[in-house]
Amino acid sequence: MDRDYYRCLSDEDLIEVGRDSAHELSIALAERLQDFVYDGGGEVMRQHLNYLETEVDRLRARVDELNDELNLAQED
């Protein structure tokens, strides 16, 4: 199988293929992925991403405020 085939697999299928392989690196990576997927690592990453998206929105709003203040100052 080529890399594109493996990329198309679900996390569960990829874990199974890796664990069942005879290659030690594949087995170790499958175990790490399994820990990440099933032990909440994915949820932690989603929460962090949500936080970062909220922070980006807040900072964009602040930039807009500062631009408005700058425009007002330049008009005076």
PDB file of N, CA and C in Angstrom:
ATOM      1  N   MET A   1       0.840  -1.177   0.000  1.00  0.00           N
ATOM      2  CA  MET A   1       0.000   0.000   0.000  1.00  0.00           C
ATOM      3  C   MET A   1       0.890   1.248   0.000  1.00  0.00           C
ATOM      4  N   ASP A   2       0.373   2.307  -0.611  1.00  0.00           N
ATOM      5  CA  ASP A   2       1.151   3.539  -0.623  1.00  0.00           C
ATOM      6  C   ASP A   2       0.610   4.518   0.433  1.00  0.00           C
ATOM      7  N   ARG A   3       1.301   5.603   0.595  1.00  0.00           N
ATOM      8  CA  ARG A   3       0.980   6.584   1.621  1.00  0.00           C
ATOM      9  C   ARG A   3      -0.412   7.172   1.450  1.00  0.00           C
ATOM     10  N   ASP A   4      -0.826   7.397   0.215  1.00  0.00           N
ATOM     11  CA  ASP A   4      -2.161   7.946  -0.032  1.00  0.00           C
ATOM     12  C   ASP A   4      -3.252   7.008   0.488  1.00  0.00           C
ATOM     13  N   TYR A   5      -3.035   5.713   0.325  1.00  0.00           N
ATOM     14  CA  TYR A   5      -4.001   4.743   0.832  1.00  0.00           C
ATOM     15  C   TYR A   5      -4.135   4.891   2.348  1.00  0.00           C
ATOM     16  N   TYR A   6      -3.007   4.959   3.030  1.00  0.00           N
ATOM     17  CA  TYR A   6      -3.039   5.065   4.493  1.00  0.00           C
ATOM     18  C   TYR A   6      -3.654   6.383   4.950  1.00  0.00           C
ATOM     19  N   ARG A   7      -3.436   7.443   4.203  1.00  0.00           N
ATOM     20  CA  ARG A   7      -4.022   8.738   4.552  1.00  0.00           C
ATOM     21  C   ARG A   7      -5.546   8.703   4.503  1.00  0.00           C
ATOM     22  N   CYS A   8      -6.094   7.871   3.663  1.00  0.00           N
ATOM     23  CA  CYS A   8      -7.552   7.789   3.508  1.00  0.00           C
ATOM     24  C   CYS A   8      -8.221   6.957   4.594  1.00  0.00           C
ATOM     25  N   LEU A   9      -7.456   6.219   5.355  1.00  0.00           N
ATOM     26  CA  LEU A   9      -8.030   5.364   6.388  1.00  0.00           C
ATOM     27  C   LEU A   9      -8.534   6.192   7.558  1.00  0.00           C
ATOM     28  N   SER A  10      -9.552   5.679   8.231  1.00  0.00           N
ATOM     29  CA  SER A  10     -10.014   6.307   9.471  1.00  0.00           C
ATOM     30  C   SER A  10      -8.933   6.117  10.538  1.00  0.00           C
ATOM     31  N   ASP A  11      -9.025   6.881  11.608  1.00  0.00           N
ATOM     32  CA  ASP A  11      -8.056   6.722  12.691  1.00  0.00           C
ATOM     33  C   ASP A  11      -8.039   5.288  13.209  1.00  0.00           C
ATOM     34  N   GLU A  12      -9.222   4.720  13.384  1.00  0.00           N
ATOM     35  CA  GLU A  12      -9.322   3.354  13.914  1.00  0.00           C
ATOM     36  C   GLU A  12      -8.656   2.342  12.992  1.00  0.00           C
ATOM     37  N   ASP A  13      -8.907   2.467  11.692  1.00  0.00           N
ATOM     38  CA  ASP A  13      -8.299   1.538  10.732  1.00  0.00           C
ATOM     39  C   ASP A  13      -6.790   1.730  10.662  1.00  0.00           C
ATOM     40  N   LEU A  14      -6.353   2.969  10.712  1.00  0.00           N
ATOM     41  CA  LEU A  14      -4.913   3.240  10.664  1.00  0.00           C
ATOM     42  C   LEU A  14      -4.214   2.665  11.897  1.00  0.00           C
ATOM     43  N   ILE A  15      -4.837   2.809  13.042  1.00  0.00           N
ATOM     44  CA  ILE A  15      -4.279   2.241  14.274  1.00  0.00           C
ATOM     45  C   ILE A  15      -4.148   0.727  14.144  1.00  0.00           C
ATOM     46  N   GLU A  16      -5.206   0.096  13.653  1.00  0.00           N
ATOM     47  CA  GLU A  16      -5.196  -1.362  13.505  1.00  0.00           C
ATOM     48  C   GLU A  16      -4.102  -1.825  12.547  1.00  0.00           C
ATOM     49  N   VAL A  17      -3.986  -1.144  11.395  1.00  0.00           N
ATOM     50  CA  VAL A  17      -2.955  -1.518  10.417  1.00  0.00           C
ATOM     51  C   VAL A  17      -1.562  -1.338  11.026  1.00  0.00           C
ATOM     52  N   GLY A  18      -1.359  -0.246  11.723  1.00  0.00           N
ATOM     53  CA  GLY A  18      -0.052  -0.008  12.330  1.00  0.00           C
ATOM     54  C   GLY A  18       0.296  -1.028  13.394  1.00  0.00           C
ATOM     55  N   ARG A  19      -0.673  -1.331  14.252  1.00  0.00           N
ATOM     56  CA  ARG A  19      -0.435  -2.314  15.319  1.00  0.00           C
ATOM     57  C   ARG A  19      -0.172  -3.704  14.763  1.00  0.00           C
ATOM     58  N   ASP A  20      -0.825  -4.022  13.648  1.00  0.00           N
ATOM     59  CA  ASP A  20      -0.676  -5.355  13.068  1.00  0.00           C
ATOM     60  C   ASP A  20       0.537  -5.481  12.151  1.00  0.00           C
ATOM     61  N   SER A  21       1.244  -4.386  11.927  1.00  0.00           N
ATOM     62  CA  SER A  21       2.408  -4.453  11.035  1.00  0.00           C
ATOM     63  C   SER A  21       3.577  -5.110  11.772  1.00  0.00           C
ATOM     64  N   ALA A  22       4.565  -5.481  11.016  1.00  0.00           N
ATOM     65  CA  ALA A  22       5.760  -6.087  11.605  1.00  0.00           C
ATOM     66  C   ALA A  22       6.838  -5.039  11.840  1.00  0.00           C
ATOM     67  N   HIS A  23       6.546  -3.784  11.533  1.00  0.00           N
ATOM     68  CA  HIS A  23       7.543  -2.723  11.637  1.00  0.00           C
ATOM     69  C   HIS A  23       7.404  -2.034  12.997  1.00  0.00           C
ATOM     70  N   GLU A  24       8.482  -2.005  13.756  1.00  0.00           N
ATOM     71  CA  GLU A  24       8.438  -1.471  15.124  1.00  0.00           C
ATOM     72  C   GLU A  24       8.024  -0.002  15.173  1.00  0.00           C
ATOM     73  N   LEU A  25       8.478   0.787  14.225  1.00  0.00           N
ATOM     74  CA  LEU A  25       8.095   2.199  14.204  1.00  0.00           C
ATOM     75  C   LEU A  25       6.595   2.337  13.968  1.00  0.00           C
ATOM     76  N   SER A  26       6.057   1.565  13.051  1.00  0.00           N
ATOM     77  CA  SER A  26       4.621   1.612  12.780  1.00  0.00           C
ATOM     78  C   SER A  26       3.816   1.212  14.006  1.00  0.00           C
ATOM     79  N   ILE A  27       4.280   0.204  14.715  1.00  0.00           N
ATOM     80  CA  ILE A  27       3.592  -0.246  15.920  1.00  0.00           C
ATOM     81  C   ILE A  27       3.616   0.850  16.980  1.00  0.00           C
ATOM     82  N   ALA A  28       4.777   1.464  17.187  1.00  0.00           N
ATOM     83  CA  ALA A  28       4.900   2.528  18.190  1.00  0.00           C
ATOM     84  C   ALA A  28       4.035   3.730  17.829  1.00  0.00           C
ATOM     85  N   LEU A  29       4.026   4.108  16.565  1.00  0.00           N
ATOM     86  CA  LEU A  29       3.197   5.235  16.135  1.00  0.00           C
ATOM     87  C   LEU A  29       1.714   4.922  16.272  1.00  0.00           C
ATOM     88  N   ALA A  30       1.327   3.702  15.965  1.00  0.00           N
ATOM     89  CA  ALA A  30      -0.072   3.300  16.122  1.00  0.00           C
ATOM     90  C   ALA A  30      -0.481   3.364  17.593  1.00  0.00           C
ATOM     91  N   GLU A  31       0.390   2.922  18.466  1.00  0.00           N
ATOM     92  CA  GLU A  31       0.087   2.992  19.903  1.00  0.00           C
ATOM     93  C   GLU A  31      -0.051   4.439  20.360  1.00  0.00           C
ATOM     94  N   ARG A  32       0.821   5.306  19.883  1.00  0.00           N
ATOM     95  CA  ARG A  32       0.748   6.722  20.241  1.00  0.00           C
ATOM     96  C   ARG A  32      -0.544   7.342  19.710  1.00  0.00           C
ATOM     97  N   LEU A  33      -0.902   7.023  18.471  1.00  0.00           N
ATOM     98  CA  LEU A  33      -2.143   7.531  17.899  1.00  0.00           C
ATOM     99  C   LEU A  33      -3.344   7.012  18.679  1.00  0.00           C
ATOM    100  N   GLN A  34      -3.293   5.756  19.063  1.00  0.00           N
ATOM    101  CA  GLN A  34      -4.386   5.182  19.844  1.00  0.00           C
ATOM    102  C   GLN A  34      -4.543   5.931  21.171  1.00  0.00           C
ATOM    103  N   ASP A  35      -3.433   6.213  21.852  1.00  0.00           N
ATOM    104  CA  ASP A  35      -3.497   6.972  23.097  1.00  0.00           C
ATOM    105  C   ASP A  35      -4.115   8.344  22.854  1.00  0.00           C
ATOM    106  N   PHE A  36      -3.721   8.983  21.781  1.00  0.00           N
ATOM    107  CA  PHE A  36      -4.213  10.319  21.462  1.00  0.00           C
ATOM    108  C   PHE A  36      -5.708  10.296  21.153  1.00  0.00           C
ATOM    109  N   VAL A  37      -6.128   9.357  20.328  1.00  0.00           N
ATOM    110  CA  VAL A  37      -7.525   9.298  19.886  1.00  0.00           C
ATOM    111  C   VAL A  37      -8.441   8.845  21.017  1.00  0.00           C
ATOM    112  N   TYR A  38      -8.045   7.819  21.735  1.00  0.00           N
ATOM    113  CA  TYR A  38      -8.958   7.215  22.711  1.00  0.00           C
ATOM    114  C   TYR A  38      -8.798   7.740  24.132  1.00  0.00           C
ATOM    115  N   ASP A  39      -7.711   8.420  24.425  1.00  0.00           N
ATOM    116  CA  ASP A  39      -7.503   8.910  25.788  1.00  0.00           C
ATOM    117  C   ASP A  39      -7.717  10.406  25.905  1.00  0.00           C
ATOM    118  N   GLY A  40      -8.453  10.996  24.976  1.00  0.00           N
ATOM    119  CA  GLY A  40      -8.839  12.386  25.102  1.00  0.00           C
ATOM    120  C   GLY A  40      -7.878  13.398  24.527  1.00  0.00           C
ATOM    121  N   GLY A  41      -6.790  12.962  23.937  1.00  0.00           N
ATOM    122  CA  GLY A  41      -5.853  13.916  23.357  1.00  0.00           C
ATOM    123  C   GLY A  41      -6.497  14.770  22.288  1.00  0.00           C
ATOM    124  N   GLY A  42      -7.361  14.163  21.507  1.00  0.00           N
ATOM    125  CA  GLY A  42      -8.053  14.904  20.461  1.00  0.00           C
ATOM    126  C   GLY A  42      -8.971  15.958  21.046  1.00  0.00           C
ATOM    127  N   GLU A  43      -9.621  15.644  22.140  1.00  0.00           N
ATOM    128  CA  GLU A  43     -10.523  16.606  22.779  1.00  0.00           C
ATOM    129  C   GLU A  43      -9.733  17.785  23.339  1.00  0.00           C
ATOM    130  N   VAL A  44      -8.582  17.511  23.913  1.00  0.00           N
ATOM    131  CA  VAL A  44      -7.734  18.595  24.424  1.00  0.00           C
ATOM    132  C   VAL A  44      -7.316  19.516  23.294  1.00  0.00           C
ATOM    133  N   MET A  45      -6.954  18.931  22.164  1.00  0.00           N
ATOM    134  CA  MET A  45      -6.565  19.746  21.018  1.00  0.00           C
ATOM    135  C   MET A  45      -7.733  20.566  20.493  1.00  0.00           C
ATOM    136  N   ARG A  46      -8.939  19.988  20.467  1.00  0.00           N
ATOM    137  CA  ARG A  46     -10.117  20.732  20.021  1.00  0.00           C
ATOM    138  C   ARG A  46     -10.413  21.899  20.954  1.00  0.00           C
ATOM    139  N   GLN A  47     -10.279  21.673  22.250  1.00  0.00           N
ATOM    140  CA  GLN A  47     -10.509  22.746  23.215  1.00  0.00           C
ATOM    141  C   GLN A  47      -9.483  23.861  23.033  1.00  0.00           C
ATOM    142  N   HIS A  48      -8.240  23.480  22.809  1.00  0.00           N
ATOM    143  CA  HIS A  48      -7.189  24.472  22.604  1.00  0.00           C
ATOM    144  C   HIS A  48      -7.437  25.252  21.318  1.00  0.00           C
ATOM    145  N   LEU A  49      -7.852  24.571  20.271  1.00  0.00           N
ATOM    146  CA  LEU A  49      -8.161  25.232  19.006  1.00  0.00           C
ATOM    147  C   LEU A  49      -9.317  26.214  19.185  1.00  0.00           C
ATOM    148  N   ASN A  50     -10.350  25.810  19.912  1.00  0.00           N
ATOM    149  CA  ASN A  50     -11.471  26.714  20.181  1.00  0.00           C
ATOM    150  C   ASN A  50     -11.000  27.948  20.931  1.00  0.00           C
ATOM    151  N   TYR A  51     -10.132  27.750  21.918  1.00  0.00           N
ATOM    152  CA  TYR A  51      -9.581  28.881  22.661  1.00  0.00           C
ATOM    153  C   TYR A  51      -8.816  29.817  21.727  1.00  0.00           C
ATOM    154  N   LEU A  52      -7.973  29.252  20.883  1.00  0.00           N
ATOM    155  CA  LEU A  52      -7.177  30.069  19.970  1.00  0.00           C
ATOM    156  C   LEU A  52      -8.054  30.821  18.979  1.00  0.00           C
ATOM    157  N   GLU A  53      -9.097  30.172  18.472  1.00  0.00           N
ATOM    158  CA  GLU A  53     -10.006  30.857  17.553  1.00  0.00           C
ATOM    159  C   GLU A  53     -10.699  32.022  18.252  1.00  0.00           C
ATOM    160  N   THR A  54     -11.100  31.825  19.497  1.00  0.00           N
ATOM    161  CA  THR A  54     -11.725  32.900  20.272  1.00  0.00           C
ATOM    162  C   THR A  54     -10.743  34.042  20.494  1.00  0.00           C
ATOM    163  N   GLU A  55      -9.512  33.697  20.781  1.00  0.00           N
ATOM    164  CA  GLU A  55      -8.481  34.716  21.011  1.00  0.00           C
ATOM    165  C   GLU A  55      -8.205  35.502  19.735  1.00  0.00           C
ATOM    166  N   VAL A  56      -8.165  34.832  18.602  1.00  0.00           N
ATOM    167  CA  VAL A  56      -7.958  35.513  17.320  1.00  0.00           C
ATOM    168  C   VAL A  56      -9.108  36.487  17.061  1.00  0.00           C
ATOM    169  N   ASP A  57     -10.339  36.045  17.318  1.00  0.00           N
ATOM    170  CA  ASP A  57     -11.498  36.932  17.135  1.00  0.00           C
ATOM    171  C   ASP A  57     -11.401  38.156  18.032  1.00  0.00           C
ATOM    172  N   ARG A  58     -10.993  37.943  19.279  1.00  0.00           N
ATOM    173  CA  ARG A  58     -10.842  39.057  20.223  1.00  0.00           C
ATOM    174  C   ARG A  58      -9.781  40.041  19.746  1.00  0.00           C
ATOM    175  N   LEU A  59      -8.671  39.518  19.282  1.00  0.00           N
ATOM    176  CA  LEU A  59      -7.586  40.384  18.809  1.00  0.00           C
ATOM    177  C   LEU A  59      -7.975  41.125  17.537  1.00  0.00           C
ATOM    178  N   ARG A  60      -8.714  40.488  16.663  1.00  0.00           N
ATOM    179  CA  ARG A  60      -9.190  41.175  15.453  1.00  0.00           C
ATOM    180  C   ARG A  60     -10.123  42.322  15.818  1.00  0.00           C
ATOM    181  N   ALA A  61     -10.983  42.079  16.791  1.00  0.00           N
ATOM    182  CA  ALA A  61     -11.885  43.142  17.243  1.00  0.00           C
ATOM    183  C   ALA A  61     -11.085  44.295  17.831  1.00  0.00           C
ATOM    184  N   ARG A  62     -10.033  43.991  18.566  1.00  0.00           N
ATOM    185  CA  ARG A  62      -9.188  45.044  19.150  1.00  0.00           C
ATOM    186  C   ARG A  62      -8.469  45.826  18.056  1.00  0.00           C
ATOM    187  N   VAL A  63      -8.000  45.148  17.035  1.00  0.00           N
ATOM    188  CA  VAL A  63      -7.354  45.821  15.909  1.00  0.00           C
ATOM    189  C   VAL A  63      -8.341  46.768  15.241  1.00  0.00           C
ATOM    190  N   ASP A  64      -9.571  46.316  15.058  1.00  0.00           N
ATOM    191  CA  ASP A  64     -10.598  47.178  14.467  1.00  0.00           C
ATOM    192  C   ASP A  64     -10.828  48.415  15.329  1.00  0.00           C
ATOM    193  N   GLU A  65     -10.885  48.226  16.653  1.00  0.00           N
ATOM    194  CA  GLU A  65     -11.059  49.362  17.562  1.00  0.00           C
ATOM    195  C   GLU A  65      -9.901  50.359  17.421  1.00  0.00           C
ATOM    196  N   LEU A  66      -8.693  49.834  17.388  1.00  0.00           N
ATOM    197  CA  LEU A  66      -7.521  50.707  17.276  1.00  0.00           C
ATOM    198  C   LEU A  66      -7.495  51.430  15.935  1.00  0.00           C
ATOM    199  N   ASN A  67      -7.903  50.747  14.880  1.00  0.00           N
ATOM    200  CA  ASN A  67      -7.976  51.398  13.569  1.00  0.00           C
ATOM    201  C   ASN A  67      -9.003  52.522  13.580  1.00  0.00           C
ATOM    202  N   ASP A  68     -10.144  52.285  14.228  1.00  0.00           N
ATOM    203  CA  ASP A  68     -11.163  53.334  14.341  1.00  0.00           C
ATOM    204  C   ASP A  68     -10.613  54.532  15.109  1.00  0.00           C
ATOM    205  N   GLU A  69      -9.925  54.270  16.211  1.00  0.00           N
ATOM    206  CA  GLU A  69      -9.332  55.367  16.997  1.00  0.00           C
ATOM    207  C   GLU A  69      -8.306  56.126  16.172  1.00  0.00           C
ATOM    208  N   LEU A  70      -7.495  55.418  15.415  1.00  0.00           N
ATOM    209  CA  LEU A  70      -6.486  56.056  14.572  1.00  0.00           C
ATOM    210  C   LEU A  70      -7.147  56.928  13.502  1.00  0.00           C
ATOM    211  N   ASN A  71      -8.178  56.407  12.883  1.00  0.00           N
ATOM    212  CA  ASN A  71      -8.892  57.170  11.860  1.00  0.00           C
ATOM    213  C   ASN A  71      -9.506  58.433  12.443  1.00  0.00           C
ATOM    214  N   LEU A  72     -10.086  58.331  13.638  1.00  0.00           N
ATOM    215  CA  LEU A  72     -10.651  59.520  14.292  1.00  0.00           C
ATOM    216  C   LEU A  72      -9.575  60.542  14.620  1.00  0.00           C
ATOM    217  N   ALA A  73      -8.437  60.063  15.092  1.00  0.00           N
ATOM    218  CA  ALA A  73      -7.343  60.956  15.451  1.00  0.00           C
ATOM    219  C   ALA A  73      -6.804  61.671  14.205  1.00  0.00           C
ATOM    220  N   GLN A  74      -6.761  60.966  13.094  1.00  0.00           N
ATOM    221  CA  GLN A  74      -6.255  61.563  11.864  1.00  0.00           C
ATOM    222  C   GLN A  74      -7.216  62.579  11.290  1.00  0.00           C
ATOM    223  N   GLU A  75      -8.517  62.420  11.564  1.00  0.00           N
ATOM    224  CA  GLU A  75      -9.501  63.371  11.086  1.00  0.00           C
ATOM    225  C   GLU A  75      -9.426  64.712  11.831  1.00  0.00           C
ATOM    226  N   ASP A  76      -8.975  64.655  13.085  1.00  0.00           N
ATOM    227  CA  ASP A  76      -8.915  65.887  13.897  1.00  0.00           C
ATOM    228  C   ASP A  76      -7.776  66.763  13.536  1.00  0.00           C
TER     229      ASP A  76
END
